[in-house]
Amino acid sequence: MKLFYAPGTCALAPHIVLEEVGAAFTLEKVDFAAKQQSSPEYLRLNPKGRVPLLVDGDFTLTEAPAILQYIAERFPEADLTPALGTRERARMLEWLNYLSSGVHIAFSYIMRPHRYTDDTTAYPGIIEKGRTVFYDCFRLIEERMPEDGWLVGTYSVADPYLGAMYRWGNRAGYAMKQDFPRLGAHAKRLAARPAVQRALATEGITLEDRPS
C-alpha cells in the first residue's frame, strides 16, 4: 500500500491506522506549497487533487472515511472497526460521517474561503462564520464524548480521525484542552499510543500544535 499525504491534513488519520494495523506501506508526501496536488501526474491518480489517496496495487481510493474503513476491513485482526450489524458499528459510521461532512467542512471555511466565493471581500465573513461553526462542532462532540474512553467504547478508526480534527482546533487557536476537557483527555490517550507517536513523528507534528 502507498498513502499519499500532506503533513497535518486529514490524511493523518489513515496514516495512524496503517501504523496501527502493522501494514507494509510507503508514504508519498504531496507538497501543497509546490502545488503537487494539481500536477498532471497526481491528477491522473486522484482527479480531485486532494489528500489522502491510498493506492493498493491497481486499486486507488480517496476520502478519509472510506480509506479508514478499507484499511480496517483489510486487517480485521487489528480490531479497529466494530462488527457489521452492531449498534457500535452504526455509531462509528455516524462519527465518521459527521467529522467528514460537518467538522471538516467548517474548517475549510476558515482555511479556504476561496472555495466558496470569488468575491475576496467576502472572505472575512466566511472565515468568521467558519470559526463559529467549527467551535460549535467541538461543543457538540464534547457533550457526546465518553469521559474516559473511545468514541464507540472500544478504539476504532473514528478515534484518530477525531484526533486530526482536534489538532485543527489547536491550529485554529482555540483553547482546546480548557474549553473541551473530554476532547483534551481523548487526545492525550490517543497521543500515548505507539502507532500515533510514529505517525506524528514522521509528519513532524503534534496534536497540540498551535498557530505559528
N, C-alpha and C. Protein backbone atom coordinates (compact mmCIF):
# COMPACT_ATOMS: atom_id res chain seq x y z
N MET A 1 0.83 -1.19 0.00
CA MET A 1 0.00 0.00 0.00
C MET A 1 0.87 1.25 0.00
N LYS A 2 0.37 2.29 -0.64
CA LYS A 2 1.04 3.59 -0.61
C LYS A 2 0.00 4.64 -0.24
N LEU A 3 0.34 5.48 0.73
CA LEU A 3 -0.53 6.57 1.15
C LEU A 3 0.08 7.89 0.72
N PHE A 4 -0.66 8.63 -0.07
CA PHE A 4 -0.28 9.99 -0.43
C PHE A 4 -0.89 10.92 0.63
N TYR A 5 -0.05 11.78 1.19
CA TYR A 5 -0.47 12.59 2.32
C TYR A 5 0.20 13.95 2.26
N ALA A 6 -0.29 14.88 3.05
CA ALA A 6 0.40 16.13 3.35
C ALA A 6 0.36 16.26 4.86
N PRO A 7 1.46 16.66 5.49
CA PRO A 7 1.52 16.69 6.96
C PRO A 7 0.40 17.52 7.58
N GLY A 8 -0.24 16.94 8.59
CA GLY A 8 -1.24 17.66 9.35
C GLY A 8 -2.62 17.71 8.73
N THR A 9 -2.79 17.14 7.55
CA THR A 9 -4.12 17.10 6.93
C THR A 9 -4.91 15.93 7.51
N CYS A 10 -6.11 15.72 7.00
CA CYS A 10 -6.90 14.59 7.48
C CYS A 10 -6.27 13.26 7.09
N ALA A 11 -5.27 13.28 6.21
CA ALA A 11 -4.53 12.06 5.87
C ALA A 11 -3.79 11.51 7.08
N LEU A 12 -3.65 12.32 8.14
CA LEU A 12 -3.04 11.82 9.37
C LEU A 12 -3.80 10.61 9.90
N ALA A 13 -5.12 10.60 9.78
CA ALA A 13 -5.92 9.50 10.33
C ALA A 13 -5.60 8.17 9.65
N PRO A 14 -5.67 8.06 8.32
CA PRO A 14 -5.27 6.78 7.71
C PRO A 14 -3.80 6.45 7.92
N HIS A 15 -2.94 7.47 8.04
CA HIS A 15 -1.54 7.22 8.34
C HIS A 15 -1.44 6.49 9.69
N ILE A 16 -2.15 7.00 10.69
CA ILE A 16 -2.14 6.36 12.01
C ILE A 16 -2.68 4.93 11.91
N VAL A 17 -3.77 4.75 11.19
CA VAL A 17 -4.39 3.42 11.11
C VAL A 17 -3.48 2.43 10.39
N LEU A 18 -2.76 2.86 9.38
CA LEU A 18 -1.79 1.96 8.75
C LEU A 18 -0.73 1.52 9.75
N GLU A 19 -0.31 2.45 10.59
CA GLU A 19 0.64 2.09 11.65
C GLU A 19 0.00 1.13 12.65
N GLU A 20 -1.25 1.37 12.99
CA GLU A 20 -1.94 0.54 13.97
C GLU A 20 -2.07 -0.92 13.50
N VAL A 21 -2.39 -1.11 12.24
CA VAL A 21 -2.65 -2.48 11.76
C VAL A 21 -1.37 -3.23 11.43
N GLY A 22 -0.24 -2.52 11.42
CA GLY A 22 1.02 -3.17 11.09
C GLY A 22 1.18 -3.49 9.62
N ALA A 23 0.52 -2.72 8.77
CA ALA A 23 0.60 -2.97 7.34
C ALA A 23 1.96 -2.58 6.78
N ALA A 24 2.37 -3.27 5.73
CA ALA A 24 3.54 -2.84 4.97
C ALA A 24 3.07 -1.73 4.03
N PHE A 25 3.59 -0.53 4.22
CA PHE A 25 3.14 0.59 3.40
C PHE A 25 4.27 1.59 3.21
N THR A 26 4.10 2.41 2.20
CA THR A 26 5.02 3.52 1.97
C THR A 26 4.21 4.81 1.96
N LEU A 27 4.92 5.90 2.23
CA LEU A 27 4.30 7.22 2.24
C LEU A 27 4.83 8.03 1.07
N GLU A 28 3.95 8.81 0.48
CA GLU A 28 4.34 9.73 -0.58
C GLU A 28 3.83 11.11 -0.20
N LYS A 29 4.75 12.00 0.16
CA LYS A 29 4.35 13.34 0.57
C LYS A 29 3.96 14.17 -0.64
N VAL A 30 2.81 14.83 -0.54
CA VAL A 30 2.33 15.74 -1.58
C VAL A 30 2.60 17.15 -1.09
N ASP A 31 3.45 17.86 -1.80
CA ASP A 31 3.87 19.20 -1.39
C ASP A 31 2.82 20.22 -1.85
N PHE A 32 1.98 20.66 -0.93
CA PHE A 32 0.94 21.61 -1.29
C PHE A 32 1.53 22.96 -1.68
N ALA A 33 2.62 23.36 -1.02
CA ALA A 33 3.23 24.66 -1.34
C ALA A 33 3.70 24.70 -2.78
N ALA A 34 4.16 23.55 -3.27
CA ALA A 34 4.61 23.45 -4.66
C ALA A 34 3.47 23.07 -5.60
N LYS A 35 2.26 22.97 -5.06
CA LYS A 35 1.05 22.62 -5.82
C LYS A 35 1.16 21.26 -6.52
N GLN A 36 1.83 20.32 -5.86
CA GLN A 36 1.93 18.99 -6.44
C GLN A 36 0.56 18.32 -6.58
N GLN A 37 -0.39 18.73 -5.73
CA GLN A 37 -1.72 18.14 -5.79
C GLN A 37 -2.42 18.47 -7.11
N SER A 38 -1.92 19.50 -7.79
CA SER A 38 -2.52 19.91 -9.08
C SER A 38 -1.67 19.48 -10.27
N SER A 39 -0.63 18.72 -10.03
CA SER A 39 0.24 18.29 -11.12
C SER A 39 -0.48 17.23 -11.96
N PRO A 40 -0.17 17.15 -13.26
CA PRO A 40 -0.80 16.12 -14.10
C PRO A 40 -0.57 14.71 -13.58
N GLU A 41 0.62 14.48 -13.01
CA GLU A 41 0.94 13.14 -12.51
C GLU A 41 0.01 12.75 -11.36
N TYR A 42 -0.19 13.70 -10.44
CA TYR A 42 -1.05 13.39 -9.30
C TYR A 42 -2.52 13.32 -9.71
N LEU A 43 -2.94 14.22 -10.59
CA LEU A 43 -4.34 14.23 -11.01
C LEU A 43 -4.72 12.97 -11.78
N ARG A 44 -3.75 12.32 -12.40
CA ARG A 44 -4.05 11.05 -13.05
C ARG A 44 -4.44 9.99 -12.02
N LEU A 45 -3.85 10.08 -10.84
CA LEU A 45 -4.19 9.15 -9.77
C LEU A 45 -5.43 9.58 -9.01
N ASN A 46 -5.52 10.89 -8.76
CA ASN A 46 -6.63 11.43 -7.98
C ASN A 46 -7.12 12.72 -8.62
N PRO A 47 -8.12 12.63 -9.49
CA PRO A 47 -8.62 13.83 -10.19
C PRO A 47 -9.17 14.89 -9.24
N LYS A 48 -9.43 14.53 -7.98
CA LYS A 48 -9.91 15.52 -7.02
C LYS A 48 -8.80 16.48 -6.59
N GLY A 49 -7.56 16.08 -6.76
CA GLY A 49 -6.44 16.95 -6.39
C GLY A 49 -6.32 17.20 -4.91
N ARG A 50 -6.65 16.20 -4.09
CA ARG A 50 -6.57 16.36 -2.64
C ARG A 50 -5.94 15.12 -2.02
N VAL A 51 -5.73 15.17 -0.73
CA VAL A 51 -5.27 14.02 0.03
C VAL A 51 -6.31 13.72 1.11
N PRO A 52 -6.35 12.48 1.58
CA PRO A 52 -5.45 11.36 1.29
C PRO A 52 -5.85 10.62 0.02
N LEU A 53 -4.87 9.89 -0.48
CA LEU A 53 -5.08 8.94 -1.57
C LEU A 53 -4.37 7.66 -1.17
N LEU A 54 -5.08 6.56 -1.22
CA LEU A 54 -4.48 5.26 -0.95
C LEU A 54 -4.40 4.47 -2.24
N VAL A 55 -3.23 3.92 -2.51
CA VAL A 55 -3.03 3.05 -3.67
C VAL A 55 -2.68 1.67 -3.14
N ASP A 56 -3.47 0.70 -3.53
CA ASP A 56 -3.25 -0.69 -3.12
C ASP A 56 -3.22 -1.54 -4.38
N GLY A 57 -2.02 -1.75 -4.91
CA GLY A 57 -1.90 -2.45 -6.19
C GLY A 57 -2.50 -1.61 -7.29
N ASP A 58 -3.49 -2.15 -8.00
CA ASP A 58 -4.12 -1.40 -9.09
C ASP A 58 -5.39 -0.69 -8.61
N PHE A 59 -5.59 -0.64 -7.30
CA PHE A 59 -6.79 -0.04 -6.72
C PHE A 59 -6.43 1.29 -6.07
N THR A 60 -7.18 2.34 -6.40
CA THR A 60 -6.98 3.64 -5.77
C THR A 60 -8.25 4.03 -5.03
N LEU A 61 -8.08 4.71 -3.90
CA LEU A 61 -9.21 5.08 -3.07
C LEU A 61 -8.96 6.44 -2.46
N THR A 62 -9.98 7.30 -2.50
CA THR A 62 -9.91 8.62 -1.90
C THR A 62 -10.97 8.73 -0.79
N GLU A 63 -10.95 9.85 -0.08
CA GLU A 63 -11.86 10.18 1.02
C GLU A 63 -11.47 9.42 2.28
N ALA A 64 -11.12 10.18 3.30
CA ALA A 64 -10.60 9.60 4.54
C ALA A 64 -11.52 8.55 5.16
N PRO A 65 -12.84 8.79 5.29
CA PRO A 65 -13.68 7.76 5.90
C PRO A 65 -13.65 6.43 5.15
N ALA A 66 -13.66 6.49 3.83
CA ALA A 66 -13.63 5.27 3.02
C ALA A 66 -12.29 4.55 3.19
N ILE A 67 -11.20 5.31 3.19
CA ILE A 67 -9.87 4.72 3.35
C ILE A 67 -9.74 4.08 4.73
N LEU A 68 -10.23 4.76 5.75
CA LEU A 68 -10.15 4.22 7.11
C LEU A 68 -10.88 2.89 7.22
N GLN A 69 -12.08 2.82 6.67
CA GLN A 69 -12.84 1.58 6.73
C GLN A 69 -12.17 0.48 5.91
N TYR A 70 -11.64 0.84 4.75
CA TYR A 70 -10.99 -0.14 3.89
C TYR A 70 -9.80 -0.78 4.60
N ILE A 71 -8.97 0.04 5.21
CA ILE A 71 -7.79 -0.50 5.91
C ILE A 71 -8.23 -1.39 7.06
N ALA A 72 -9.21 -0.94 7.84
CA ALA A 72 -9.68 -1.72 8.99
C ALA A 72 -10.23 -3.07 8.55
N GLU A 73 -10.94 -3.08 7.42
CA GLU A 73 -11.54 -4.33 6.96
C GLU A 73 -10.52 -5.24 6.27
N ARG A 74 -9.45 -4.66 5.73
CA ARG A 74 -8.38 -5.47 5.15
C ARG A 74 -7.56 -6.15 6.23
N PHE A 75 -7.56 -5.58 7.42
CA PHE A 75 -6.78 -6.12 8.53
C PHE A 75 -7.70 -6.33 9.75
N PRO A 76 -8.65 -7.25 9.64
CA PRO A 76 -9.65 -7.41 10.71
C PRO A 76 -9.04 -7.84 12.03
N GLU A 77 -7.86 -8.46 11.98
CA GLU A 77 -7.24 -8.91 13.22
C GLU A 77 -6.84 -7.74 14.12
N ALA A 78 -6.72 -6.53 13.54
CA ALA A 78 -6.39 -5.35 14.34
C ALA A 78 -7.58 -4.85 15.15
N ASP A 79 -8.78 -5.29 14.79
CA ASP A 79 -9.98 -4.98 15.56
C ASP A 79 -10.20 -3.47 15.69
N LEU A 80 -10.19 -2.79 14.56
CA LEU A 80 -10.35 -1.33 14.57
C LEU A 80 -11.72 -0.87 14.07
N THR A 81 -12.62 -1.83 13.88
CA THR A 81 -13.97 -1.46 13.50
C THR A 81 -14.94 -2.46 14.12
N PRO A 82 -16.03 -2.01 14.70
CA PRO A 82 -16.99 -2.94 15.30
C PRO A 82 -17.61 -3.86 14.24
N ALA A 83 -18.22 -4.93 14.71
CA ALA A 83 -18.79 -5.93 13.80
C ALA A 83 -19.96 -5.36 13.01
N LEU A 84 -20.12 -5.86 11.78
CA LEU A 84 -21.25 -5.47 10.95
C LEU A 84 -22.56 -5.75 11.66
N GLY A 85 -23.50 -4.83 11.50
CA GLY A 85 -24.82 -5.02 12.06
C GLY A 85 -24.97 -4.62 13.51
N THR A 86 -23.88 -4.19 14.14
CA THR A 86 -23.97 -3.79 15.55
C THR A 86 -24.26 -2.30 15.67
N ARG A 87 -24.76 -1.93 16.82
CA ARG A 87 -25.01 -0.52 17.08
C ARG A 87 -23.69 0.26 17.14
N GLU A 88 -22.65 -0.40 17.65
CA GLU A 88 -21.34 0.25 17.72
C GLU A 88 -20.81 0.57 16.33
N ARG A 89 -21.05 -0.33 15.39
CA ARG A 89 -20.64 -0.09 14.00
C ARG A 89 -21.40 1.11 13.43
N ALA A 90 -22.70 1.14 13.68
CA ALA A 90 -23.50 2.27 13.20
C ALA A 90 -23.04 3.58 13.82
N ARG A 91 -22.69 3.53 15.10
CA ARG A 91 -22.22 4.74 15.77
C ARG A 91 -20.89 5.20 15.20
N MET A 92 -20.01 4.25 14.91
CA MET A 92 -18.73 4.62 14.30
C MET A 92 -18.94 5.33 12.96
N LEU A 93 -19.86 4.78 12.15
CA LEU A 93 -20.14 5.38 10.85
C LEU A 93 -20.76 6.77 11.02
N GLU A 94 -21.58 6.92 12.05
CA GLU A 94 -22.16 8.24 12.34
C GLU A 94 -21.05 9.25 12.63
N TRP A 95 -20.08 8.85 13.46
CA TRP A 95 -18.96 9.75 13.78
C TRP A 95 -18.15 10.06 12.54
N LEU A 96 -17.82 9.06 11.74
CA LEU A 96 -17.01 9.30 10.54
C LEU A 96 -17.71 10.28 9.61
N ASN A 97 -19.01 10.11 9.44
CA ASN A 97 -19.75 11.00 8.55
C ASN A 97 -19.82 12.41 9.10
N TYR A 98 -20.04 12.54 10.40
CA TYR A 98 -20.11 13.89 10.97
C TYR A 98 -18.77 14.61 10.90
N LEU A 99 -17.70 13.90 11.20
CA LEU A 99 -16.38 14.52 11.13
C LEU A 99 -16.06 14.96 9.71
N SER A 100 -16.49 14.17 8.74
CA SER A 100 -16.20 14.49 7.34
C SER A 100 -17.09 15.60 6.80
N SER A 101 -18.39 15.48 7.04
CA SER A 101 -19.34 16.41 6.40
C SER A 101 -19.63 17.65 7.23
N GLY A 102 -19.34 17.58 8.54
CA GLY A 102 -19.60 18.71 9.42
C GLY A 102 -18.34 19.43 9.85
N VAL A 103 -17.50 18.75 10.61
CA VAL A 103 -16.32 19.39 11.19
C VAL A 103 -15.33 19.79 10.11
N HIS A 104 -15.06 18.89 9.18
CA HIS A 104 -14.08 19.18 8.14
C HIS A 104 -14.52 20.36 7.28
N ILE A 105 -15.77 20.39 6.92
CA ILE A 105 -16.27 21.48 6.07
C ILE A 105 -16.18 22.82 6.80
N ALA A 106 -16.51 22.82 8.10
CA ALA A 106 -16.41 24.07 8.86
C ALA A 106 -14.98 24.58 8.86
N PHE A 107 -14.01 23.68 9.00
CA PHE A 107 -12.60 24.09 9.00
C PHE A 107 -12.20 24.64 7.63
N SER A 108 -12.77 24.09 6.57
CA SER A 108 -12.41 24.59 5.24
C SER A 108 -12.90 26.02 5.03
N TYR A 109 -13.98 26.42 5.71
CA TYR A 109 -14.41 27.82 5.64
C TYR A 109 -13.31 28.74 6.17
N ILE A 110 -12.61 28.28 7.21
CA ILE A 110 -11.56 29.09 7.82
C ILE A 110 -10.33 29.14 6.94
N MET A 111 -9.93 27.99 6.42
CA MET A 111 -8.66 27.87 5.72
C MET A 111 -8.75 28.15 4.22
N ARG A 112 -9.92 27.90 3.64
CA ARG A 112 -10.03 28.01 2.17
C ARG A 112 -11.33 28.70 1.76
N PRO A 113 -11.51 29.95 2.15
CA PRO A 113 -12.75 30.64 1.78
C PRO A 113 -12.90 30.80 0.28
N HIS A 114 -11.78 30.71 -0.46
CA HIS A 114 -11.85 30.86 -1.92
C HIS A 114 -12.65 29.73 -2.58
N ARG A 115 -12.87 28.64 -1.84
CA ARG A 115 -13.68 27.56 -2.41
C ARG A 115 -15.15 27.95 -2.51
N TYR A 116 -15.55 28.97 -1.76
CA TYR A 116 -16.97 29.26 -1.62
C TYR A 116 -17.42 30.56 -2.29
N THR A 117 -16.44 31.37 -2.69
CA THR A 117 -16.79 32.59 -3.42
C THR A 117 -15.54 33.13 -4.13
N ASP A 118 -15.79 33.81 -5.23
CA ASP A 118 -14.70 34.52 -5.91
C ASP A 118 -14.58 35.96 -5.42
N ASP A 119 -15.49 36.37 -4.57
CA ASP A 119 -15.50 37.74 -4.04
C ASP A 119 -14.58 37.79 -2.82
N THR A 120 -13.39 38.31 -3.01
CA THR A 120 -12.41 38.33 -1.91
C THR A 120 -12.88 39.19 -0.74
N THR A 121 -13.75 40.16 -0.99
CA THR A 121 -14.24 40.98 0.12
C THR A 121 -15.14 40.18 1.06
N ALA A 122 -15.63 39.03 0.59
CA ALA A 122 -16.49 38.19 1.43
C ALA A 122 -15.69 37.22 2.29
N TYR A 123 -14.39 37.10 2.04
CA TYR A 123 -13.57 36.13 2.77
C TYR A 123 -13.63 36.32 4.30
N PRO A 124 -13.48 37.54 4.81
CA PRO A 124 -13.50 37.68 6.28
C PRO A 124 -14.78 37.16 6.92
N GLY A 125 -15.91 37.41 6.28
CA GLY A 125 -17.18 36.93 6.82
C GLY A 125 -17.28 35.42 6.80
N ILE A 126 -16.79 34.79 5.72
CA ILE A 126 -16.81 33.33 5.62
C ILE A 126 -15.90 32.72 6.69
N ILE A 127 -14.72 33.32 6.86
CA ILE A 127 -13.78 32.82 7.86
C ILE A 127 -14.37 32.93 9.26
N GLU A 128 -14.96 34.07 9.56
CA GLU A 128 -15.51 34.28 10.90
C GLU A 128 -16.68 33.32 11.16
N LYS A 129 -17.53 33.15 10.16
CA LYS A 129 -18.64 32.19 10.32
C LYS A 129 -18.08 30.78 10.50
N GLY A 130 -17.05 30.45 9.73
CA GLY A 130 -16.43 29.14 9.85
C GLY A 130 -15.89 28.90 11.24
N ARG A 131 -15.27 29.92 11.83
CA ARG A 131 -14.73 29.78 13.17
C ARG A 131 -15.84 29.49 14.18
N THR A 132 -16.98 30.14 14.02
CA THR A 132 -18.11 29.92 14.92
C THR A 132 -18.66 28.50 14.77
N VAL A 133 -18.86 28.08 13.50
CA VAL A 133 -19.42 26.75 13.25
C VAL A 133 -18.45 25.67 13.71
N PHE A 134 -17.16 25.87 13.45
CA PHE A 134 -16.13 24.90 13.84
C PHE A 134 -16.14 24.72 15.36
N TYR A 135 -16.19 25.82 16.08
CA TYR A 135 -16.22 25.76 17.54
C TYR A 135 -17.48 25.06 18.03
N ASP A 136 -18.62 25.36 17.41
CA ASP A 136 -19.87 24.73 17.81
C ASP A 136 -19.83 23.22 17.57
N CYS A 137 -19.14 22.79 16.52
CA CYS A 137 -18.97 21.36 16.27
C CYS A 137 -18.26 20.69 17.44
N PHE A 138 -17.22 21.33 17.93
CA PHE A 138 -16.49 20.76 19.06
C PHE A 138 -17.34 20.75 20.33
N ARG A 139 -18.18 21.75 20.50
CA ARG A 139 -19.07 21.75 21.67
C ARG A 139 -20.02 20.56 21.62
N LEU A 140 -20.54 20.26 20.44
CA LEU A 140 -21.43 19.12 20.29
C LEU A 140 -20.68 17.81 20.58
N ILE A 141 -19.47 17.69 20.03
CA ILE A 141 -18.69 16.47 20.25
C ILE A 141 -18.37 16.32 21.73
N GLU A 142 -17.99 17.42 22.38
CA GLU A 142 -17.66 17.38 23.80
C GLU A 142 -18.83 16.84 24.62
N GLU A 143 -20.04 17.25 24.27
CA GLU A 143 -21.22 16.81 25.01
C GLU A 143 -21.47 15.32 24.85
N ARG A 144 -21.06 14.77 23.71
CA ARG A 144 -21.35 13.36 23.43
C ARG A 144 -20.17 12.44 23.69
N MET A 145 -19.02 13.02 24.02
CA MET A 145 -17.81 12.23 24.25
C MET A 145 -17.91 11.44 25.55
N PRO A 146 -17.49 10.16 25.54
CA PRO A 146 -17.33 9.47 26.83
C PRO A 146 -16.27 10.18 27.67
N GLU A 147 -16.41 10.12 28.96
CA GLU A 147 -15.48 10.82 29.84
C GLU A 147 -14.09 10.20 29.84
N ASP A 148 -14.03 8.88 29.71
CA ASP A 148 -12.73 8.23 29.87
C ASP A 148 -12.52 7.06 28.91
N GLY A 149 -13.02 7.18 27.70
CA GLY A 149 -12.88 6.08 26.76
C GLY A 149 -12.81 6.57 25.33
N TRP A 150 -13.10 5.66 24.41
CA TRP A 150 -13.07 5.96 22.99
C TRP A 150 -14.47 6.25 22.48
N LEU A 151 -14.57 6.71 21.27
CA LEU A 151 -15.84 7.21 20.74
C LEU A 151 -16.94 6.18 20.76
N VAL A 152 -16.62 4.93 20.43
CA VAL A 152 -17.67 3.90 20.38
C VAL A 152 -17.43 2.81 21.42
N GLY A 153 -16.74 3.16 22.49
CA GLY A 153 -16.46 2.22 23.55
C GLY A 153 -15.09 1.60 23.42
N THR A 154 -14.84 0.95 22.29
CA THR A 154 -13.51 0.41 22.00
C THR A 154 -12.84 1.30 20.95
N TYR A 155 -11.53 1.23 20.91
CA TYR A 155 -10.76 2.04 19.95
C TYR A 155 -11.13 1.63 18.53
N SER A 156 -11.41 2.62 17.69
CA SER A 156 -11.79 2.37 16.30
C SER A 156 -11.16 3.41 15.41
N VAL A 157 -11.37 3.26 14.11
CA VAL A 157 -10.79 4.21 13.15
C VAL A 157 -11.36 5.61 13.31
N ALA A 158 -12.48 5.75 14.01
CA ALA A 158 -13.04 7.08 14.24
C ALA A 158 -12.17 7.91 15.18
N ASP A 159 -11.44 7.25 16.06
CA ASP A 159 -10.66 7.99 17.06
C ASP A 159 -9.49 8.77 16.48
N PRO A 160 -8.63 8.18 15.62
CA PRO A 160 -7.59 9.00 15.01
C PRO A 160 -8.13 10.09 14.09
N TYR A 161 -9.29 9.85 13.49
CA TYR A 161 -9.91 10.88 12.65
C TYR A 161 -10.29 12.08 13.52
N LEU A 162 -10.88 11.81 14.68
CA LEU A 162 -11.19 12.90 15.61
C LEU A 162 -9.90 13.58 16.08
N GLY A 163 -8.85 12.79 16.29
CA GLY A 163 -7.57 13.37 16.71
C GLY A 163 -7.04 14.38 15.72
N ALA A 164 -7.18 14.08 14.43
CA ALA A 164 -6.74 15.03 13.40
C ALA A 164 -7.53 16.33 13.49
N MET A 165 -8.84 16.22 13.75
CA MET A 165 -9.68 17.41 13.87
C MET A 165 -9.35 18.20 15.14
N TYR A 166 -9.06 17.48 16.22
CA TYR A 166 -8.65 18.14 17.46
C TYR A 166 -7.40 18.99 17.20
N ARG A 167 -6.46 18.45 16.46
CA ARG A 167 -5.26 19.22 16.13
C ARG A 167 -5.62 20.49 15.35
N TRP A 168 -6.58 20.36 14.43
CA TRP A 168 -7.00 21.54 13.69
C TRP A 168 -7.59 22.59 14.61
N GLY A 169 -8.30 22.15 15.64
CA GLY A 169 -8.83 23.11 16.61
C GLY A 169 -7.72 23.90 17.27
N ASN A 170 -6.64 23.21 17.63
CA ASN A 170 -5.47 23.91 18.17
C ASN A 170 -4.87 24.85 17.14
N ARG A 171 -4.78 24.40 15.91
CA ARG A 171 -4.22 25.23 14.84
C ARG A 171 -5.08 26.47 14.59
N ALA A 172 -6.38 26.34 14.85
CA ALA A 172 -7.29 27.49 14.68
C ALA A 172 -7.18 28.47 15.84
N GLY A 173 -6.42 28.09 16.88
CA GLY A 173 -6.20 28.99 18.01
C GLY A 173 -7.16 28.81 19.16
N TYR A 174 -8.00 27.78 19.12
CA TYR A 174 -8.91 27.54 20.22
C TYR A 174 -8.15 26.97 21.43
N ALA A 175 -8.67 27.22 22.62
CA ALA A 175 -8.10 26.64 23.85
C ALA A 175 -8.74 25.27 24.05
N MET A 176 -8.31 24.30 23.25
CA MET A 176 -9.00 23.02 23.18
C MET A 176 -9.04 22.29 24.52
N LYS A 177 -7.91 22.20 25.22
CA LYS A 177 -7.88 21.48 26.50
C LYS A 177 -8.77 22.13 27.53
N GLN A 178 -8.76 23.46 27.55
CA GLN A 178 -9.52 24.18 28.56
C GLN A 178 -11.03 24.18 28.24
N ASP A 179 -11.36 24.42 27.00
CA ASP A 179 -12.77 24.53 26.62
C ASP A 179 -13.44 23.18 26.44
N PHE A 180 -12.65 22.17 26.08
CA PHE A 180 -13.20 20.85 25.78
C PHE A 180 -12.39 19.78 26.51
N PRO A 181 -12.57 19.65 27.82
CA PRO A 181 -11.72 18.74 28.59
C PRO A 181 -11.84 17.28 28.19
N ARG A 182 -13.01 16.85 27.78
CA ARG A 182 -13.14 15.45 27.34
C ARG A 182 -12.37 15.21 26.04
N LEU A 183 -12.47 16.17 25.14
CA LEU A 183 -11.69 16.07 23.90
C LEU A 183 -10.19 16.10 24.21
N GLY A 184 -9.80 16.94 25.15
CA GLY A 184 -8.39 17.00 25.51
C GLY A 184 -7.90 15.69 26.10
N ALA A 185 -8.75 15.05 26.93
CA ALA A 185 -8.38 13.77 27.52
C ALA A 185 -8.30 12.69 26.44
N HIS A 186 -9.20 12.75 25.48
CA HIS A 186 -9.18 11.81 24.35
C HIS A 186 -7.88 11.96 23.56
N ALA A 187 -7.50 13.21 23.30
CA ALA A 187 -6.26 13.46 22.56
C ALA A 187 -5.05 12.95 23.32
N LYS A 188 -5.07 13.09 24.63
CA LYS A 188 -3.95 12.60 25.44
C LYS A 188 -3.84 11.09 25.36
N ARG A 189 -4.98 10.39 25.43
CA ARG A 189 -4.97 8.93 25.30
C ARG A 189 -4.48 8.53 23.92
N LEU A 190 -4.94 9.26 22.91
CA LEU A 190 -4.54 8.96 21.54
C LEU A 190 -3.03 9.13 21.37
N ALA A 191 -2.51 10.25 21.88
CA ALA A 191 -1.09 10.56 21.71
C ALA A 191 -0.19 9.57 22.44
N ALA A 192 -0.74 8.82 23.38
CA ALA A 192 0.05 7.84 24.13
C ALA A 192 0.23 6.53 23.36
N ARG A 193 -0.52 6.35 22.29
CA ARG A 193 -0.43 5.10 21.53
C ARG A 193 0.83 5.10 20.65
N PRO A 194 1.61 4.04 20.66
CA PRO A 194 2.85 4.00 19.87
C PRO A 194 2.63 4.26 18.38
N ALA A 195 1.55 3.72 17.81
CA ALA A 195 1.29 3.92 16.39
C ALA A 195 1.06 5.40 16.08
N VAL A 196 0.36 6.07 16.98
CA VAL A 196 0.10 7.50 16.81
C VAL A 196 1.40 8.28 16.91
N GLN A 197 2.22 7.92 17.86
CA GLN A 197 3.51 8.59 18.04
C GLN A 197 4.38 8.44 16.80
N ARG A 198 4.38 7.25 16.20
CA ARG A 198 5.18 7.05 15.00
C ARG A 198 4.69 7.92 13.84
N ALA A 199 3.37 7.97 13.66
CA ALA A 199 2.81 8.77 12.57
C ALA A 199 3.09 10.26 12.78
N LEU A 200 2.90 10.74 14.00
CA LEU A 200 3.14 12.15 14.29
C LEU A 200 4.61 12.51 14.08
N ALA A 201 5.51 11.62 14.52
CA ALA A 201 6.94 11.89 14.36
C ALA A 201 7.32 11.94 12.89
N THR A 202 6.76 11.04 12.09
CA THR A 202 7.06 11.03 10.66
C THR A 202 6.61 12.33 10.00
N GLU A 203 5.44 12.82 10.40
CA GLU A 203 4.90 14.04 9.79
C GLU A 203 5.47 15.30 10.44
N GLY A 204 6.19 15.15 11.55
CA GLY A 204 6.80 16.30 12.20
C GLY A 204 5.82 17.23 12.87
N ILE A 205 4.77 16.65 13.47
CA ILE A 205 3.72 17.45 14.10
C ILE A 205 3.36 16.84 15.45
N THR A 206 2.52 17.56 16.22
CA THR A 206 1.90 17.02 17.42
C THR A 206 0.42 17.37 17.39
N LEU A 207 -0.35 16.71 18.24
CA LEU A 207 -1.79 17.02 18.31
C LEU A 207 -2.02 18.38 18.97
N GLU A 208 -1.04 18.89 19.69
CA GLU A 208 -1.20 20.15 20.40
C GLU A 208 -0.60 21.34 19.66
N ASP A 209 -0.22 21.17 18.40
CA ASP A 209 0.38 22.26 17.63
C ASP A 209 -0.50 23.49 17.63
N ARG A 210 0.10 24.65 17.84
CA ARG A 210 -0.60 25.93 17.83
C ARG A 210 -0.21 26.70 16.58
N PRO A 211 -0.94 27.77 16.25
CA PRO A 211 -0.56 28.57 15.09
C PRO A 211 0.84 29.15 15.26
N SER A 212 1.59 29.18 14.17
CA SER A 212 2.96 29.73 14.24
C SER A 212 2.92 31.24 14.04
